[in-house]
Amino acid sequence: MTGWIIFLCILALILFILFMPAVVDFRYEGGKTAVRVSYCGITIVDTSKPKKEKTEEEKKAEAEKKKQKKKKKEEKKARKEKKKAEKEARKKKKSAEGEDAQKKKKKSLSEILALVKSLLKPVGKGMRRLFKGIRITRFYLDIKVGGFDAAECALTYGKLYTAVANGLAFFQSFFVIKPDHIAILPRFGTESTVYTARFRAKLSPAAVLAAGFSLAWTYLIQMLHNPQPKKKKKQEDSENAE
């Protein structure tokens, strides 16, 4: 009995973790952007918090770390350049072997491109499932269109209104968006346009897993129904031989 209780508790915890969404709060106001990422009530990233002043020791340690990082980067760059030179030398050697090698290379490249194309084809379904798992709530957009010239202000207002309406319709075809406030108002005689935007996005690990399984299943079905390029090639060669 105790074993079943422990099993059910673990199962409940796993389900809680899977269906508890990660929350992203975005805010743009007064020309400043703030992003807060949290999961299960724990803040992971918060750009709105002021950064702590670093001590002299911390500054020295950071400078030393940057120096070491720069050194490693330079060494990595030198290795890359060496490899590049060796690769170019090998390419020159291969190009001297004749046109047959070039033909084979082109053929292999076309096969690779065909394979990549077949692999990317089912991505759309999985991505749509993933996007639908993202829920955007508390969507707040307030734009005060400024301009001293009335005609120019009206023209800017019309462009922004059309862009927002079309953009919202476009993104609603991918995500679940629940707007709370959308307002675009002209303010003649003001110096500049003021933007205020806020929203909360939620995505659960379960939605990501569902999208991944959908993608994997689509790939599996496609591989079972469509023969691989090598099999097709063998079949064509056998038919030509006959």
Protein backbone atom coordinates (compact mmCIF):
# COMPACT_ATOMS: atom_id res chain seq x y z
CA MET A 1 0.00 0.00 0.00
CA THR A 2 2.84 2.36 0.91
CA GLY A 3 4.49 1.62 -2.47
CA TRP A 4 1.31 2.63 -4.33
CA ILE A 5 1.09 5.88 -2.36
CA ILE A 6 4.71 6.73 -3.21
CA PHE A 7 4.10 5.83 -6.88
CA LEU A 8 0.98 8.03 -7.06
CA CYS A 9 2.81 10.91 -5.36
CA ILE A 10 5.67 10.68 -7.88
CA LEU A 11 3.17 10.45 -10.77
CA ALA A 12 1.29 13.50 -9.45
CA LEU A 13 4.58 15.42 -9.16
CA ILE A 14 5.59 14.51 -12.74
CA LEU A 15 2.18 15.57 -14.08
CA PHE A 16 2.39 18.82 -12.10
CA ILE A 17 5.83 19.58 -13.58
CA LEU A 18 4.67 18.68 -17.11
CA PHE A 19 1.48 20.75 -17.08
CA MET A 20 2.75 23.67 -14.99
CA PRO A 21 3.49 26.33 -17.61
CA ALA A 22 6.61 28.45 -17.83
CA VAL A 23 5.60 32.12 -17.72
CA VAL A 24 7.21 34.97 -19.65
CA ASP A 25 6.15 38.51 -18.72
CA PHE A 26 7.14 41.15 -21.28
CA ARG A 27 6.87 44.88 -20.77
CA TYR A 28 7.88 47.83 -22.94
CA GLU A 29 7.19 51.23 -21.44
CA GLY A 30 8.98 54.56 -21.51
CA GLY A 31 11.54 53.27 -24.00
CA LYS A 32 12.63 50.50 -21.60
CA THR A 33 12.16 46.76 -22.04
CA ALA A 34 11.72 44.34 -19.13
CA VAL A 35 11.44 40.54 -19.34
CA ARG A 36 10.67 38.18 -16.49
CA VAL A 37 10.79 34.39 -16.88
CA SER A 38 9.43 32.18 -14.09
CA TYR A 39 8.53 28.54 -13.59
CA CYS A 40 6.56 27.03 -10.71
CA GLY A 41 6.59 30.43 -9.02
CA ILE A 42 10.41 30.63 -9.14
CA THR A 43 11.92 33.58 -11.03
CA ILE A 44 14.62 32.41 -13.44
CA VAL A 45 15.32 35.69 -15.28
CA ASP A 46 14.26 39.21 -14.36
CA THR A 47 15.78 42.10 -16.31
CA SER A 48 13.80 44.72 -14.40
CA LYS A 49 15.82 44.20 -11.22
CA PRO A 50 18.71 46.66 -10.77
CA LYS A 51 22.14 45.11 -11.09
CA LYS A 52 24.25 44.91 -7.94
CA GLU A 53 27.43 46.96 -7.71
CA LYS A 54 30.49 44.77 -8.17
CA THR A 55 33.40 44.87 -5.76
CA GLU A 56 36.99 45.51 -6.89
CA GLU A 57 37.83 41.81 -6.48
CA GLU A 58 34.83 40.80 -8.59
CA LYS A 59 35.82 43.33 -11.27
CA LYS A 60 39.39 41.99 -11.33
CA ALA A 61 38.14 38.40 -11.52
CA GLU A 62 35.78 39.34 -14.37
CA ALA A 63 38.62 41.11 -16.23
CA GLU A 64 40.86 38.06 -15.82
CA LYS A 65 38.04 35.83 -17.03
CA LYS A 66 37.54 38.02 -20.11
CA LYS A 67 41.29 37.93 -20.77
CA GLN A 68 41.34 34.12 -20.62
CA LYS A 69 38.25 33.96 -22.80
CA LYS A 70 39.86 36.26 -25.38
CA LYS A 71 43.01 34.12 -25.37
CA LYS A 72 40.98 30.93 -25.93
CA LYS A 73 39.04 32.66 -28.69
CA GLU A 74 42.26 33.65 -30.47
CA GLU A 75 43.62 30.09 -30.14
CA LYS A 76 40.36 28.71 -31.52
CA LYS A 77 40.52 31.18 -34.41
CA ALA A 78 44.09 30.08 -35.20
CA ARG A 79 43.02 26.42 -35.20
CA LYS A 80 40.10 27.23 -37.50
CA GLU A 81 42.37 29.07 -39.91
CA LYS A 82 44.79 26.13 -39.91
CA LYS A 83 41.95 23.69 -40.59
CA LYS A 84 40.64 25.99 -43.32
CA ALA A 85 44.05 26.07 -45.01
CA GLU A 86 44.29 22.26 -44.81
CA LYS A 87 40.77 21.93 -46.19
CA GLU A 88 41.56 24.24 -49.11
CA ALA A 89 44.70 22.20 -49.84
CA ARG A 90 42.63 19.00 -49.87
CA LYS A 91 40.06 20.64 -52.15
CA LYS A 92 42.78 21.64 -54.62
CA LYS A 93 44.11 18.09 -54.56
CA LYS A 94 40.66 16.62 -55.18
CA SER A 95 39.91 19.10 -57.99
CA ALA A 96 43.02 17.84 -59.79
CA GLU A 97 41.65 14.28 -59.87
CA GLY A 98 39.28 15.05 -62.75
CA GLU A 99 35.67 15.70 -63.72
CA ASP A 100 34.40 12.33 -62.46
CA ALA A 101 35.07 13.29 -58.85
CA GLN A 102 33.24 16.58 -59.37
CA LYS A 103 30.23 14.81 -60.84
CA LYS A 104 30.07 12.42 -57.89
CA LYS A 105 30.35 15.34 -55.50
CA LYS A 106 27.50 17.19 -57.20
CA LYS A 107 25.38 14.06 -57.14
CA SER A 108 26.01 13.48 -53.44
CA LEU A 109 25.17 17.14 -52.74
CA SER A 110 21.85 16.82 -54.60
CA GLU A 111 21.06 13.69 -52.57
CA ILE A 112 21.83 15.55 -49.33
CA LEU A 113 19.58 18.45 -50.36
CA ALA A 114 16.77 16.04 -51.26
CA LEU A 115 17.14 14.33 -47.87
CA VAL A 116 17.12 17.68 -46.00
CA LYS A 117 14.02 18.75 -47.93
CA SER A 118 12.20 15.51 -47.04
CA LEU A 119 13.18 15.91 -43.39
CA LEU A 120 12.00 19.53 -43.17
CA LYS A 121 8.66 18.82 -44.86
CA PRO A 122 6.84 17.50 -41.75
CA VAL A 123 8.23 20.22 -39.45
CA GLY A 124 5.24 22.46 -40.16
CA LYS A 125 2.74 20.25 -38.34
CA GLY A 126 4.89 19.93 -35.23
CA MET A 127 5.61 23.66 -35.15
CA ARG A 128 1.91 24.50 -35.49
CA ARG A 129 1.17 22.23 -32.53
CA LEU A 130 3.93 23.92 -30.53
CA PHE A 131 2.69 27.42 -31.40
CA LYS A 132 -0.87 26.51 -30.43
CA GLY A 133 0.49 25.43 -27.06
CA ILE A 134 1.67 29.01 -26.42
CA ARG A 135 -1.02 31.11 -24.75
CA ILE A 136 -0.62 34.88 -24.68
CA THR A 137 -2.78 36.65 -22.09
CA ARG A 138 -2.93 40.12 -20.54
CA PHE A 139 -2.09 41.53 -23.95
CA TYR A 140 -1.95 45.31 -23.58
CA LEU A 141 -1.03 47.66 -26.40
CA ASP A 142 -1.37 51.40 -26.22
CA ILE A 143 0.03 53.67 -28.95
CA LYS A 144 -0.24 57.45 -28.81
CA VAL A 145 0.64 58.67 -32.29
CA GLY A 146 2.39 62.02 -32.07
CA GLY A 147 3.20 64.66 -34.65
CA PHE A 148 3.04 68.44 -34.94
CA ASP A 149 1.74 68.25 -38.48
CA ALA A 150 -1.87 67.02 -38.50
CA ALA A 151 -1.69 65.41 -41.96
CA GLU A 152 1.54 63.57 -41.18
CA CYS A 153 0.16 62.42 -37.82
CA ALA A 154 -3.02 61.11 -39.48
CA LEU A 155 -0.97 59.27 -42.10
CA THR A 156 1.22 57.63 -39.41
CA TYR A 157 -1.90 56.73 -37.43
CA GLY A 158 -3.43 54.97 -40.46
CA LYS A 159 -0.23 53.00 -41.14
CA LEU A 160 0.13 51.91 -37.51
CA TYR A 161 -3.55 50.95 -37.24
CA THR A 162 -3.32 48.78 -40.37
CA ALA A 163 -0.03 47.21 -39.26
CA VAL A 164 -1.38 46.34 -35.79
CA ALA A 165 -4.64 44.90 -37.15
CA ASN A 166 -2.88 42.76 -39.77
CA GLY A 167 -0.11 41.73 -37.36
CA LEU A 168 -2.59 40.67 -34.68
CA ALA A 169 -4.62 38.63 -37.18
CA PHE A 170 -1.43 36.99 -38.46
CA PHE A 171 -0.11 36.01 -35.00
CA GLN A 172 -3.55 34.81 -33.86
CA SER A 173 -3.35 32.19 -36.60
CA PHE A 174 -0.32 30.72 -34.78
CA PHE A 175 -0.81 31.56 -31.09
CA VAL A 176 -3.75 31.77 -28.72
CA ILE A 177 -3.90 35.52 -27.97
CA LYS A 178 -6.36 37.10 -25.53
CA PRO A 179 -6.08 40.89 -25.76
CA ASP A 180 -7.15 42.99 -22.76
CA HIS A 181 -6.53 46.43 -24.21
CA ILE A 182 -5.62 47.65 -27.69
CA ALA A 183 -5.77 51.37 -28.37
CA ILE A 184 -4.18 53.52 -31.08
CA LEU A 185 -4.97 57.20 -30.70
CA PRO A 186 -3.67 60.30 -32.52
CA ARG A 187 -2.17 63.06 -30.38
CA PHE A 188 -1.77 66.13 -32.56
CA GLY A 189 0.78 68.66 -31.41
CA THR A 190 2.92 66.21 -29.44
CA GLU A 191 6.57 65.62 -30.20
CA SER A 192 6.81 61.84 -30.71
CA THR A 193 4.87 58.59 -30.70
CA VAL A 194 4.64 56.79 -27.35
CA TYR A 195 4.44 52.99 -27.24
CA THR A 196 3.33 50.87 -24.29
CA ALA A 197 3.12 47.10 -24.62
CA ARG A 198 2.68 44.28 -22.13
CA PHE A 199 1.79 40.60 -22.36
CA ARG A 200 2.18 37.28 -20.56
CA ALA A 201 3.11 34.14 -22.51
CA LYS A 202 2.64 30.63 -21.11
CA LEU A 203 4.03 27.36 -22.43
CA SER A 204 3.95 24.04 -20.58
CA PRO A 205 6.55 21.26 -21.02
CA ALA A 206 3.63 18.97 -21.94
CA ALA A 207 2.93 21.14 -25.03
CA VAL A 208 6.60 20.95 -26.06
CA LEU A 209 6.59 17.15 -25.63
CA ALA A 210 3.33 16.87 -27.61
CA ALA A 211 4.88 18.88 -30.45
CA GLY A 212 8.03 16.73 -30.32
CA PHE A 213 6.05 13.47 -30.41
CA SER A 214 3.93 14.80 -33.29
CA LEU A 215 7.08 15.68 -35.22
CA ALA A 216 8.72 12.31 -34.50
CA TRP A 217 5.53 10.42 -35.47
CA THR A 218 5.27 12.37 -38.75
CA TYR A 219 8.91 11.54 -39.56
CA LEU A 220 8.33 7.86 -38.76
CA ILE A 221 5.23 7.64 -40.97
CA GLN A 222 7.05 9.40 -43.80
CA MET A 223 10.05 7.07 -43.54
CA LEU A 224 7.78 4.00 -43.61
CA HIS A 225 5.76 5.18 -46.61
CA ASN A 226 8.55 6.76 -48.65
CA PRO A 227 11.57 4.65 -49.67
CA GLN A 228 14.99 6.11 -48.97
CA PRO A 229 17.03 7.64 -51.81
CA LYS A 230 19.56 4.76 -51.70
CA LYS A 231 16.80 2.16 -52.22
CA LYS A 232 15.44 4.19 -55.11
CA LYS A 233 18.91 4.39 -56.63
CA LYS A 234 19.43 0.60 -56.38
CA GLN A 235 16.02 -0.01 -57.93
CA GLU A 236 16.81 2.38 -60.82
CA ASP A 237 20.22 0.76 -61.36
CA SER A 238 18.67 -2.74 -61.47
CA GLU A 239 16.03 -1.55 -63.95
CA ASN A 240 18.70 0.04 -66.17
CA ALA A 241 20.80 -3.16 -66.03
CA GLU A 242 17.84 -5.21 -67.24
